[in-house]
């Protein structure tokens, strides 16, 4: 397969989250007119993650509240989207990225905006049904459908901001929630013990 030839101005953004979409938006706002392509592993347009553990999870916000920009913005601003695609390799000498479908994409400049992934616990039973991590829109949809019926015993592992928000949402739906964390006072490492006690 012949590789594309990129000009010095072609920009590829590896990562379809807030950082990647905001970078594309800023490029256009600052007058950059060259080709911009966002590669995102999820099949959703780039979206905001904070509502996923708050308003969206509680059913107080619809999905149209989470996109970084309206879906039509990308076509209107000539920003290419490669959704459902993962970058599997970078070849700096050739100035190309390799994608999981076997294709390559040339770039003049490459921005890595891949975000983070949840840490998993490799413990017996961690792969059973009902055990999951939380990061994506699909995770929030799945968790909301499980929690909304209420009356379940729910264990949350992680007493940071997201863990606390998920625990509060689960309790709001009428579930019995146990939150496990390494700290004696949740969030103490981030905001100190006094504020940690307040949020607890």
N, C-alpha and C. Protein backbone atom coordinates (compact mmCIF):
# COMPACT_ATOMS: atom_id res chain seq x y z
N UNK A 1 0.84 -1.18 0.00
CA UNK A 1 0.00 0.00 0.00
C UNK A 1 0.89 1.24 0.00
N UNK A 2 0.64 2.16 -0.91
CA UNK A 2 1.45 3.38 -0.97
C UNK A 2 1.09 4.29 0.19
N UNK A 3 2.09 4.88 0.79
CA UNK A 3 1.85 5.77 1.90
C UNK A 3 1.53 7.16 1.38
N UNK A 4 0.67 7.87 2.13
CA UNK A 4 0.35 9.24 1.77
C UNK A 4 1.60 10.11 1.96
N UNK A 5 1.67 11.16 1.20
CA UNK A 5 2.75 12.13 1.37
C UNK A 5 2.14 13.35 2.05
N UNK A 6 2.70 13.70 3.22
CA UNK A 6 2.17 14.84 3.96
C UNK A 6 3.03 16.06 3.72
N UNK A 7 2.42 17.22 3.76
CA UNK A 7 3.18 18.46 3.72
C UNK A 7 3.59 18.81 5.14
N UNK A 8 4.45 19.80 5.27
CA UNK A 8 4.92 20.19 6.60
C UNK A 8 3.77 20.69 7.46
N UNK A 9 2.69 21.13 6.82
CA UNK A 9 1.58 21.69 7.59
C UNK A 9 0.52 20.69 8.00
N UNK A 10 0.58 19.45 7.50
CA UNK A 10 -0.43 18.46 7.87
C UNK A 10 -0.28 18.10 9.34
N UNK A 11 -1.38 18.18 10.10
CA UNK A 11 -1.32 17.86 11.52
C UNK A 11 -2.21 16.66 11.80
N UNK A 12 -1.64 15.67 12.45
CA UNK A 12 -2.39 14.50 12.91
C UNK A 12 -2.41 14.55 14.42
N UNK A 13 -3.60 14.36 14.99
CA UNK A 13 -3.78 14.35 16.43
C UNK A 13 -4.17 12.94 16.84
N UNK A 14 -3.30 12.28 17.59
CA UNK A 14 -3.57 10.92 18.07
C UNK A 14 -4.25 11.02 19.42
N UNK A 15 -5.57 10.84 19.41
CA UNK A 15 -6.35 10.95 20.63
C UNK A 15 -7.62 11.72 20.37
N UNK A 16 -8.77 11.08 20.59
CA UNK A 16 -10.06 11.68 20.28
C UNK A 16 -10.81 12.15 21.50
N UNK A 17 -10.09 12.69 22.49
CA UNK A 17 -10.75 13.19 23.69
C UNK A 17 -10.78 14.70 23.71
N UNK A 18 -10.92 15.25 24.91
CA UNK A 18 -11.01 16.69 25.09
C UNK A 18 -9.76 17.40 24.57
N UNK A 19 -8.58 16.89 24.91
CA UNK A 19 -7.34 17.55 24.50
C UNK A 19 -7.21 17.58 22.99
N UNK A 20 -7.49 16.46 22.33
CA UNK A 20 -7.37 16.40 20.88
C UNK A 20 -8.35 17.33 20.19
N UNK A 21 -9.61 17.30 20.62
CA UNK A 21 -10.63 18.15 19.99
C UNK A 21 -10.36 19.61 20.26
N UNK A 22 -9.92 19.93 21.48
CA UNK A 22 -9.61 21.32 21.81
C UNK A 22 -8.42 21.83 21.00
N UNK A 23 -7.44 20.96 20.77
CA UNK A 23 -6.30 21.35 19.94
C UNK A 23 -6.76 21.68 18.53
N UNK A 24 -7.62 20.85 17.95
CA UNK A 24 -8.14 21.11 16.61
C UNK A 24 -8.94 22.41 16.58
N UNK A 25 -9.76 22.61 17.58
CA UNK A 25 -10.57 23.83 17.66
C UNK A 25 -9.67 25.06 17.77
N UNK A 26 -8.64 24.97 18.57
CA UNK A 26 -7.72 26.10 18.75
C UNK A 26 -6.95 26.39 17.46
N UNK A 27 -6.51 25.33 16.77
CA UNK A 27 -5.82 25.53 15.49
C UNK A 27 -6.69 26.33 14.52
N UNK A 28 -7.94 25.94 14.40
CA UNK A 28 -8.84 26.66 13.49
C UNK A 28 -9.12 28.08 14.00
N UNK A 29 -9.30 28.24 15.30
CA UNK A 29 -9.57 29.57 15.85
C UNK A 29 -8.39 30.52 15.65
N UNK A 30 -7.18 29.96 15.65
CA UNK A 30 -5.98 30.78 15.46
C UNK A 30 -5.63 30.98 13.99
N UNK A 31 -6.46 30.45 13.10
CA UNK A 31 -6.27 30.70 11.68
C UNK A 31 -5.51 29.65 10.90
N UNK A 32 -5.17 28.53 11.54
CA UNK A 32 -4.48 27.47 10.80
C UNK A 32 -5.44 26.86 9.78
N UNK A 33 -5.02 26.82 8.52
CA UNK A 33 -5.91 26.37 7.45
C UNK A 33 -5.50 25.04 6.85
N UNK A 34 -4.40 24.44 7.31
CA UNK A 34 -3.93 23.19 6.75
C UNK A 34 -4.75 22.00 7.20
N UNK A 35 -4.46 20.82 6.64
CA UNK A 35 -5.19 19.61 7.01
C UNK A 35 -4.98 19.22 8.48
N UNK A 36 -6.06 18.87 9.15
CA UNK A 36 -6.03 18.39 10.53
C UNK A 36 -6.84 17.11 10.59
N UNK A 37 -6.27 16.07 11.17
CA UNK A 37 -6.99 14.79 11.31
C UNK A 37 -6.88 14.32 12.75
N UNK A 38 -8.00 13.97 13.34
CA UNK A 38 -8.04 13.41 14.70
C UNK A 38 -8.27 11.91 14.58
N UNK A 39 -7.44 11.13 15.27
CA UNK A 39 -7.62 9.68 15.32
C UNK A 39 -8.09 9.32 16.72
N UNK A 40 -9.25 8.69 16.84
CA UNK A 40 -9.79 8.34 18.15
C UNK A 40 -10.20 6.89 18.22
N UNK A 41 -9.85 6.22 19.30
CA UNK A 41 -10.16 4.80 19.45
C UNK A 41 -11.66 4.54 19.62
N UNK A 42 -12.37 5.48 20.24
CA UNK A 42 -13.81 5.29 20.43
C UNK A 42 -14.56 5.68 19.17
N UNK A 43 -15.77 5.17 19.04
CA UNK A 43 -16.57 5.49 17.86
C UNK A 43 -17.42 6.74 18.06
N UNK A 44 -17.30 7.37 19.22
CA UNK A 44 -18.05 8.60 19.51
C UNK A 44 -17.22 9.81 19.11
N UNK A 45 -17.90 10.90 18.76
CA UNK A 45 -17.20 12.16 18.57
C UNK A 45 -16.56 12.54 19.91
N UNK A 46 -15.46 13.29 19.90
CA UNK A 46 -14.82 13.69 21.16
C UNK A 46 -15.82 14.33 22.12
N UNK A 47 -15.71 13.95 23.39
CA UNK A 47 -16.67 14.42 24.38
C UNK A 47 -15.98 14.78 25.69
N UNK A 48 -16.73 15.48 26.54
CA UNK A 48 -16.26 15.88 27.86
C UNK A 48 -16.45 14.73 28.83
N UNK A 49 -15.43 14.42 29.62
CA UNK A 49 -15.54 13.30 30.55
C UNK A 49 -16.14 13.66 31.92
N UNK A 50 -15.93 14.87 32.46
CA UNK A 50 -16.47 15.14 33.81
C UNK A 50 -17.96 14.85 33.99
N UNK A 51 -18.85 15.17 33.03
CA UNK A 51 -20.27 14.85 33.25
C UNK A 51 -20.57 13.35 33.35
N UNK A 52 -19.65 12.51 32.86
CA UNK A 52 -19.92 11.07 32.85
C UNK A 52 -20.09 10.51 34.24
N UNK A 53 -19.40 11.08 35.23
CA UNK A 53 -19.51 10.58 36.60
C UNK A 53 -20.43 11.46 37.44
N UNK A 54 -21.07 12.43 36.81
CA UNK A 54 -21.96 13.33 37.55
C UNK A 54 -23.32 13.41 36.84
N UNK A 55 -23.56 14.53 36.13
CA UNK A 55 -24.89 14.80 35.58
C UNK A 55 -25.38 13.72 34.62
N UNK A 56 -24.50 13.27 33.72
CA UNK A 56 -24.94 12.25 32.76
C UNK A 56 -25.25 10.93 33.46
N UNK A 57 -24.40 10.53 34.39
CA UNK A 57 -24.61 9.28 35.11
C UNK A 57 -25.92 9.31 35.88
N UNK A 58 -26.29 10.49 36.39
CA UNK A 58 -27.52 10.62 37.17
C UNK A 58 -28.75 10.89 36.30
N UNK A 59 -28.57 10.94 35.00
CA UNK A 59 -29.71 11.18 34.11
C UNK A 59 -30.15 12.62 34.08
N UNK A 60 -29.32 13.54 34.58
CA UNK A 60 -29.67 14.96 34.60
C UNK A 60 -29.17 15.69 33.36
N UNK A 61 -28.38 15.02 32.54
CA UNK A 61 -27.88 15.62 31.29
C UNK A 61 -27.99 14.57 30.19
N UNK A 62 -28.39 15.01 29.02
CA UNK A 62 -28.49 14.11 27.87
C UNK A 62 -27.14 14.02 27.19
N UNK A 63 -27.03 13.09 26.25
CA UNK A 63 -25.75 12.91 25.55
C UNK A 63 -25.36 14.12 24.73
N UNK A 64 -26.32 14.96 24.34
CA UNK A 64 -25.95 16.14 23.57
C UNK A 64 -25.24 17.19 24.42
N UNK A 65 -25.15 16.94 25.73
CA UNK A 65 -24.45 17.86 26.62
C UNK A 65 -22.97 17.53 26.76
N UNK A 66 -22.53 16.39 26.24
CA UNK A 66 -21.15 15.99 26.47
C UNK A 66 -20.17 16.23 25.32
N UNK A 67 -20.59 16.46 24.07
CA UNK A 67 -19.58 16.69 23.02
C UNK A 67 -18.76 17.94 23.28
N UNK A 68 -17.48 17.91 22.88
CA UNK A 68 -16.61 19.08 23.01
C UNK A 68 -17.11 20.19 22.10
N UNK A 69 -17.46 19.84 20.89
CA UNK A 69 -18.08 20.76 19.93
C UNK A 69 -19.22 20.00 19.28
N UNK A 70 -20.19 20.69 18.69
CA UNK A 70 -21.27 19.97 18.01
C UNK A 70 -20.70 19.05 16.93
N UNK A 71 -21.30 17.88 16.73
CA UNK A 71 -20.77 16.93 15.75
C UNK A 71 -20.52 17.52 14.36
N UNK A 72 -21.36 18.45 13.94
CA UNK A 72 -21.19 19.05 12.62
C UNK A 72 -19.99 19.98 12.49
N UNK A 73 -19.41 20.37 13.62
CA UNK A 73 -18.29 21.31 13.61
C UNK A 73 -17.11 20.77 12.81
N UNK A 74 -16.84 19.48 12.89
CA UNK A 74 -15.66 18.90 12.24
C UNK A 74 -15.74 19.07 10.72
N UNK A 75 -16.87 18.72 10.12
CA UNK A 75 -17.01 18.88 8.68
C UNK A 75 -17.02 20.36 8.29
N UNK A 76 -17.69 21.17 9.09
CA UNK A 76 -17.75 22.61 8.79
C UNK A 76 -16.38 23.26 8.83
N UNK A 77 -15.48 22.72 9.64
CA UNK A 77 -14.14 23.29 9.79
C UNK A 77 -13.06 22.44 9.15
N UNK A 78 -13.47 21.51 8.30
CA UNK A 78 -12.53 20.67 7.54
C UNK A 78 -11.53 19.96 8.45
N UNK A 79 -12.03 19.38 9.53
CA UNK A 79 -11.21 18.57 10.43
C UNK A 79 -11.62 17.11 10.21
N UNK A 80 -10.67 16.29 9.78
CA UNK A 80 -10.97 14.88 9.54
C UNK A 80 -11.04 14.09 10.83
N UNK A 81 -11.95 13.14 10.87
CA UNK A 81 -12.10 12.25 12.03
C UNK A 81 -11.88 10.81 11.58
N UNK A 82 -11.01 10.09 12.27
CA UNK A 82 -10.86 8.65 12.07
C UNK A 82 -11.27 8.02 13.39
N UNK A 83 -12.57 7.75 13.54
CA UNK A 83 -13.09 7.20 14.79
C UNK A 83 -13.05 5.68 14.76
N UNK A 84 -12.93 5.07 15.93
CA UNK A 84 -12.83 3.62 16.00
C UNK A 84 -11.50 3.11 15.49
N UNK A 85 -10.49 3.95 15.52
CA UNK A 85 -9.15 3.59 15.02
C UNK A 85 -8.12 3.84 16.11
N UNK A 86 -7.15 2.96 16.20
CA UNK A 86 -6.07 3.10 17.18
C UNK A 86 -4.74 3.25 16.48
N UNK A 87 -3.91 4.13 17.01
CA UNK A 87 -2.54 4.25 16.53
C UNK A 87 -1.75 3.12 17.19
N UNK A 88 -1.13 2.30 16.37
CA UNK A 88 -0.36 1.17 16.89
C UNK A 88 1.14 1.35 16.73
N UNK A 89 1.53 2.34 15.97
CA UNK A 89 2.96 2.58 15.77
C UNK A 89 3.21 3.96 15.21
N UNK A 90 4.38 4.50 15.55
CA UNK A 90 4.81 5.80 15.02
C UNK A 90 6.17 5.60 14.38
N UNK A 91 6.30 6.10 13.16
CA UNK A 91 7.57 6.02 12.45
C UNK A 91 8.06 7.44 12.19
N UNK A 92 8.80 8.01 13.15
CA UNK A 92 9.22 9.42 13.02
C UNK A 92 10.04 9.69 11.77
N UNK A 93 10.91 8.75 11.39
CA UNK A 93 11.73 8.96 10.19
C UNK A 93 10.88 9.11 8.95
N UNK A 94 9.84 8.32 8.84
CA UNK A 94 8.94 8.38 7.68
C UNK A 94 7.82 9.38 7.88
N UNK A 95 7.69 9.89 9.11
CA UNK A 95 6.61 10.82 9.48
C UNK A 95 5.23 10.21 9.17
N UNK A 96 5.05 8.98 9.67
CA UNK A 96 3.77 8.30 9.51
C UNK A 96 3.36 7.66 10.82
N UNK A 97 2.06 7.46 10.98
CA UNK A 97 1.52 6.65 12.07
C UNK A 97 0.88 5.43 11.45
N UNK A 98 0.98 4.31 12.14
CA UNK A 98 0.34 3.08 11.71
C UNK A 98 -0.92 2.86 12.53
N UNK A 99 -1.99 2.46 11.86
CA UNK A 99 -3.27 2.25 12.53
C UNK A 99 -3.58 0.77 12.64
N UNK A 100 -4.50 0.44 13.53
CA UNK A 100 -4.80 -0.97 13.79
C UNK A 100 -5.49 -1.68 12.63
N UNK A 101 -5.94 -0.94 11.63
CA UNK A 101 -6.53 -1.59 10.46
C UNK A 101 -5.48 -1.86 9.37
N UNK A 102 -4.20 -1.59 9.70
CA UNK A 102 -3.12 -1.85 8.76
C UNK A 102 -2.76 -0.66 7.89
N UNK A 103 -3.56 0.40 7.95
CA UNK A 103 -3.27 1.57 7.12
C UNK A 103 -2.24 2.48 7.79
N UNK A 104 -1.70 3.40 7.02
CA UNK A 104 -0.77 4.39 7.54
C UNK A 104 -1.30 5.77 7.21
N UNK A 105 -0.90 6.74 8.01
CA UNK A 105 -1.31 8.12 7.79
C UNK A 105 -0.09 9.00 7.96
N UNK A 106 0.20 9.81 6.96
CA UNK A 106 1.37 10.68 7.00
C UNK A 106 1.05 11.96 7.76
N UNK A 107 2.08 12.55 8.33
CA UNK A 107 1.89 13.80 9.05
C UNK A 107 3.10 14.72 8.85
N UNK A 108 2.83 16.02 9.00
CA UNK A 108 3.91 16.99 9.09
C UNK A 108 4.25 17.21 10.55
N UNK A 109 3.18 17.32 11.37
CA UNK A 109 3.32 17.43 12.83
C UNK A 109 2.36 16.44 13.46
N UNK A 110 2.78 15.85 14.57
CA UNK A 110 1.97 14.85 15.27
C UNK A 110 1.80 15.30 16.72
N UNK A 111 0.55 15.34 17.17
CA UNK A 111 0.25 15.66 18.57
C UNK A 111 -0.25 14.39 19.24
N UNK A 112 0.41 13.98 20.32
CA UNK A 112 -0.04 12.84 21.10
C UNK A 112 -0.93 13.35 22.23
N UNK A 113 -2.21 13.02 22.15
CA UNK A 113 -3.19 13.46 23.13
C UNK A 113 -4.03 12.26 23.56
N UNK A 114 -3.33 11.21 23.98
CA UNK A 114 -3.98 9.92 24.19
C UNK A 114 -4.68 9.77 25.53
N UNK A 115 -4.48 10.71 26.45
CA UNK A 115 -5.18 10.60 27.73
C UNK A 115 -4.65 9.46 28.58
N UNK A 116 -5.52 8.91 29.40
CA UNK A 116 -5.12 7.87 30.35
C UNK A 116 -6.11 6.72 30.29
N UNK A 117 -5.73 5.63 30.91
CA UNK A 117 -6.64 4.49 31.05
C UNK A 117 -6.70 4.11 32.52
N UNK A 118 -7.82 3.57 32.97
CA UNK A 118 -7.93 3.18 34.38
C UNK A 118 -6.96 2.05 34.71
N UNK A 119 -6.43 2.11 35.91
CA UNK A 119 -5.62 0.98 36.38
C UNK A 119 -6.55 -0.16 36.75
N UNK A 120 -6.15 -1.35 36.43
CA UNK A 120 -6.96 -2.52 36.77
C UNK A 120 -6.28 -3.30 37.89
N UNK A 121 -7.09 -4.02 38.63
CA UNK A 121 -6.58 -4.88 39.70
C UNK A 121 -6.55 -6.31 39.18
N UNK A 122 -5.38 -6.88 39.16
CA UNK A 122 -5.27 -8.27 38.69
C UNK A 122 -5.46 -9.19 39.89
N UNK A 123 -6.72 -9.39 40.23
CA UNK A 123 -7.10 -10.22 41.37
C UNK A 123 -8.05 -11.30 40.88
N UNK A 124 -8.11 -12.43 41.58
CA UNK A 124 -9.10 -13.45 41.21
C UNK A 124 -10.50 -12.85 41.20
N UNK A 125 -11.23 -13.07 40.14
CA UNK A 125 -12.59 -12.57 40.02
C UNK A 125 -12.71 -11.22 39.34
N UNK A 126 -11.58 -10.57 39.05
CA UNK A 126 -11.65 -9.23 38.45
C UNK A 126 -12.18 -9.25 37.03
N UNK A 127 -12.27 -10.44 36.43
CA UNK A 127 -12.78 -10.53 35.06
C UNK A 127 -14.23 -11.02 35.01
N UNK A 128 -14.87 -11.11 36.17
CA UNK A 128 -16.24 -11.61 36.21
C UNK A 128 -17.24 -10.55 35.78
N UNK A 129 -18.42 -10.99 35.38
CA UNK A 129 -19.50 -10.06 35.04
C UNK A 129 -19.82 -9.20 36.26
N UNK A 130 -20.11 -7.94 36.02
CA UNK A 130 -20.43 -7.04 37.11
C UNK A 130 -19.23 -6.30 37.67
N UNK A 131 -18.03 -6.66 37.20
CA UNK A 131 -16.81 -5.97 37.63
C UNK A 131 -16.31 -5.18 36.43
N UNK A 132 -16.11 -3.89 36.62
CA UNK A 132 -15.69 -3.07 35.48
C UNK A 132 -14.91 -1.86 35.95
N UNK A 133 -14.25 -1.23 35.00
CA UNK A 133 -13.60 0.05 35.24
C UNK A 133 -14.50 1.15 34.69
N UNK A 134 -14.08 2.41 34.92
CA UNK A 134 -14.92 3.53 34.49
C UNK A 134 -14.06 4.59 33.83
N UNK A 135 -14.39 4.91 32.57
CA UNK A 135 -13.71 6.02 31.90
C UNK A 135 -14.51 6.59 30.75
N UNK A 136 -15.22 5.75 30.00
CA UNK A 136 -15.80 6.17 28.73
C UNK A 136 -17.30 6.43 28.82
N UNK A 137 -17.82 7.02 27.74
CA UNK A 137 -19.26 7.23 27.63
C UNK A 137 -20.00 5.90 27.71
N UNK A 138 -19.48 4.87 27.06
CA UNK A 138 -20.11 3.55 27.12
C UNK A 138 -20.09 3.00 28.53
N UNK A 139 -18.99 3.23 29.29
CA UNK A 139 -18.94 2.81 30.69
C UNK A 139 -20.04 3.49 31.49
N UNK A 140 -20.23 4.79 31.26
CA UNK A 140 -21.24 5.54 32.01
C UNK A 140 -22.65 5.06 31.66
N UNK A 141 -22.91 4.80 30.39
CA UNK A 141 -24.21 4.25 29.98
C UNK A 141 -24.49 2.93 30.69
N UNK A 142 -23.48 2.05 30.67
CA UNK A 142 -23.63 0.73 31.25
C UNK A 142 -23.87 0.82 32.76
N UNK A 143 -23.09 1.67 33.44
CA UNK A 143 -23.22 1.80 34.88
C UNK A 143 -24.56 2.42 35.26
N UNK A 144 -25.00 3.40 34.50
CA UNK A 144 -26.29 4.04 34.79
C UNK A 144 -27.42 3.02 34.68
N UNK A 145 -27.39 2.17 33.66
CA UNK A 145 -28.46 1.19 33.52
C UNK A 145 -28.45 0.19 34.66
N UNK A 146 -27.25 -0.13 35.17
CA UNK A 146 -27.17 -1.06 36.31
C UNK A 146 -27.62 -0.43 37.61
N UNK A 147 -27.20 0.81 37.85
CA UNK A 147 -27.46 1.45 39.13
C UNK A 147 -28.88 1.98 39.26
N UNK A 148 -29.50 2.32 38.14
CA UNK A 148 -30.78 3.03 38.18
C UNK A 148 -31.89 2.25 38.88
N UNK A 149 -31.81 0.93 38.89
CA UNK A 149 -32.86 0.14 39.54
C UNK A 149 -32.77 0.22 41.05
N UNK A 150 -31.59 0.53 41.59
CA UNK A 150 -31.41 0.65 43.03
C UNK A 150 -31.44 -0.71 43.73
N UNK A 151 -31.23 -0.68 45.04
CA UNK A 151 -31.32 -1.88 45.86
C UNK A 151 -30.16 -2.85 45.76
N UNK A 152 -29.06 -2.46 45.12
CA UNK A 152 -27.92 -3.36 45.00
C UNK A 152 -26.86 -3.01 46.03
N UNK A 153 -26.01 -4.01 46.30
CA UNK A 153 -24.80 -3.76 47.09
C UNK A 153 -23.69 -3.45 46.09
N UNK A 154 -23.13 -2.26 46.20
CA UNK A 154 -22.13 -1.80 45.25
C UNK A 154 -20.82 -1.52 45.99
N UNK A 155 -19.73 -2.03 45.46
CA UNK A 155 -18.41 -1.75 46.02
C UNK A 155 -17.63 -0.95 44.98
N UNK A 156 -17.14 0.21 45.40
CA UNK A 156 -16.31 1.06 44.55
C UNK A 156 -14.89 1.01 45.08
N UNK A 157 -13.92 0.79 44.21
CA UNK A 157 -12.51 0.78 44.62
C UNK A 157 -11.85 2.03 44.06
N UNK A 158 -11.38 2.88 44.97
CA UNK A 158 -10.75 4.14 44.57
C UNK A 158 -11.47 5.31 45.20
N UNK A 159 -10.77 6.04 46.07
CA UNK A 159 -11.42 7.14 46.79
C UNK A 159 -10.94 8.50 46.32
N UNK A 160 -10.60 8.59 45.02
CA UNK A 160 -10.30 9.89 44.43
C UNK A 160 -11.59 10.56 43.99
N UNK A 161 -11.44 11.62 43.19
CA UNK A 161 -12.62 12.38 42.77
C UNK A 161 -13.64 11.50 42.05
N UNK A 162 -13.20 10.71 41.09
CA UNK A 162 -14.15 9.92 40.31
C UNK A 162 -14.80 8.85 41.17
N UNK A 163 -14.01 8.19 42.02
CA UNK A 163 -14.57 7.19 42.92
C UNK A 163 -15.63 7.78 43.83
N UNK A 164 -15.34 8.97 44.38
CA UNK A 164 -16.31 9.63 45.26
C UNK A 164 -17.58 10.01 44.49
N UNK A 165 -17.41 10.52 43.27
CA UNK A 165 -18.58 10.90 42.47
C UNK A 165 -19.42 9.68 42.10
N UNK A 166 -18.77 8.60 41.72
CA UNK A 166 -19.51 7.38 41.38
C UNK A 166 -20.24 6.82 42.59
N UNK A 167 -19.58 6.86 43.74
CA UNK A 167 -20.22 6.36 44.97
C UNK A 167 -21.45 7.20 45.31
N UNK A 168 -21.33 8.52 45.18
CA UNK A 168 -22.47 9.40 45.46
C UNK A 168 -23.61 9.13 44.49
N UNK A 169 -23.29 8.95 43.22
CA UNK A 169 -24.34 8.67 42.23
C UNK A 169 -25.02 7.34 42.52
N UNK A 170 -24.23 6.33 42.85
CA UNK A 170 -24.80 5.01 43.16
C UNK A 170 -25.74 5.10 44.36
N UNK A 171 -25.34 5.85 45.38
CA UNK A 171 -26.19 6.02 46.57
C UNK A 171 -27.45 6.80 46.23
N UNK A 172 -27.33 7.80 45.35
CA UNK A 172 -28.50 8.60 44.94
C UNK A 172 -29.56 7.72 44.29
N UNK A 173 -29.11 6.69 43.59
CA UNK A 173 -30.05 5.76 42.97
C UNK A 173 -30.64 4.75 43.97
N UNK A 174 -30.25 4.84 45.24
CA UNK A 174 -30.81 3.95 46.24
C UNK A 174 -30.08 2.64 46.41
N UNK A 175 -28.79 2.63 46.10
CA UNK A 175 -27.97 1.43 46.30
C UNK A 175 -27.19 1.53 47.60
N UNK A 176 -26.81 0.38 48.15
CA UNK A 176 -25.95 0.35 49.33
C UNK A 176 -24.51 0.36 48.84
N UNK A 177 -23.77 1.38 49.20
CA UNK A 177 -22.45 1.59 48.61
C UNK A 177 -21.35 1.50 49.66
N UNK A 178 -20.31 0.76 49.33
CA UNK A 178 -19.08 0.72 50.13
C UNK A 178 -17.95 1.22 49.25
N UNK A 179 -17.23 2.22 49.74
CA UNK A 179 -16.12 2.80 48.99
C UNK A 179 -14.81 2.39 49.66
N UNK A 180 -13.92 1.79 48.89
CA UNK A 180 -12.63 1.36 49.40
C UNK A 180 -11.53 2.26 48.85
N UNK A 181 -10.60 2.66 49.72
CA UNK A 181 -9.50 3.49 49.27
C UNK A 181 -8.29 3.30 50.16
N UNK A 182 -7.14 3.70 49.66
CA UNK A 182 -5.90 3.56 50.43
C UNK A 182 -5.79 4.60 51.53
N UNK A 183 -6.39 5.76 51.33
CA UNK A 183 -6.27 6.84 52.30
C UNK A 183 -7.29 6.68 53.43
N UNK A 184 -6.89 7.10 54.61
CA UNK A 184 -7.84 7.08 55.74
C UNK A 184 -8.93 8.11 55.52
N UNK A 185 -8.57 9.25 54.92
CA UNK A 185 -9.53 10.30 54.59
C UNK A 185 -9.52 10.47 53.07
N UNK A 186 -10.65 10.25 52.42
CA UNK A 186 -10.67 10.38 50.95
C UNK A 186 -10.21 11.76 50.50
N UNK A 187 -9.46 11.80 49.43
CA UNK A 187 -9.00 13.03 48.79
C UNK A 187 -7.97 13.81 49.59
N UNK A 188 -7.55 13.28 50.74
CA UNK A 188 -6.62 14.02 51.59
C UNK A 188 -5.32 14.34 50.86
N UNK A 189 -4.85 13.43 50.03
CA UNK A 189 -3.62 13.67 49.30
C UNK A 189 -3.74 14.80 48.30
N UNK A 190 -4.94 15.01 47.77
CA UNK A 190 -5.15 16.02 46.75
C UNK A 190 -5.52 17.38 47.33
N UNK A 191 -6.36 17.38 48.36
CA UNK A 191 -6.89 18.67 48.86
C UNK A 191 -6.73 18.85 50.36
N UNK A 192 -6.07 17.91 51.03
CA UNK A 192 -5.84 18.04 52.47
C UNK A 192 -6.92 17.36 53.29
N UNK A 193 -6.61 17.05 54.55
CA UNK A 193 -7.55 16.29 55.38
C UNK A 193 -8.84 17.03 55.72
N UNK A 194 -8.78 18.34 55.93
CA UNK A 194 -9.99 19.07 56.31
C UNK A 194 -11.03 19.04 55.20
N UNK A 195 -10.62 19.37 53.97
CA UNK A 195 -11.55 19.31 52.86
C UNK A 195 -11.93 17.88 52.54
N UNK A 196 -10.99 16.95 52.73
CA UNK A 196 -11.30 15.54 52.52
C UNK A 196 -12.42 15.07 53.43
N UNK A 197 -12.36 15.49 54.71
CA UNK A 197 -13.44 15.15 55.66
C UNK A 197 -14.77 15.75 55.21
N UNK A 198 -14.72 16.97 54.72
CA UNK A 198 -15.95 17.64 54.26
C UNK A 198 -16.59 16.84 53.12
N UNK A 199 -15.79 16.48 52.12
CA UNK A 199 -16.36 15.75 51.00
C UNK A 199 -16.79 14.34 51.39
N UNK A 200 -16.10 13.73 52.36
CA UNK A 200 -16.53 12.42 52.84
C UNK A 200 -17.91 12.53 53.47
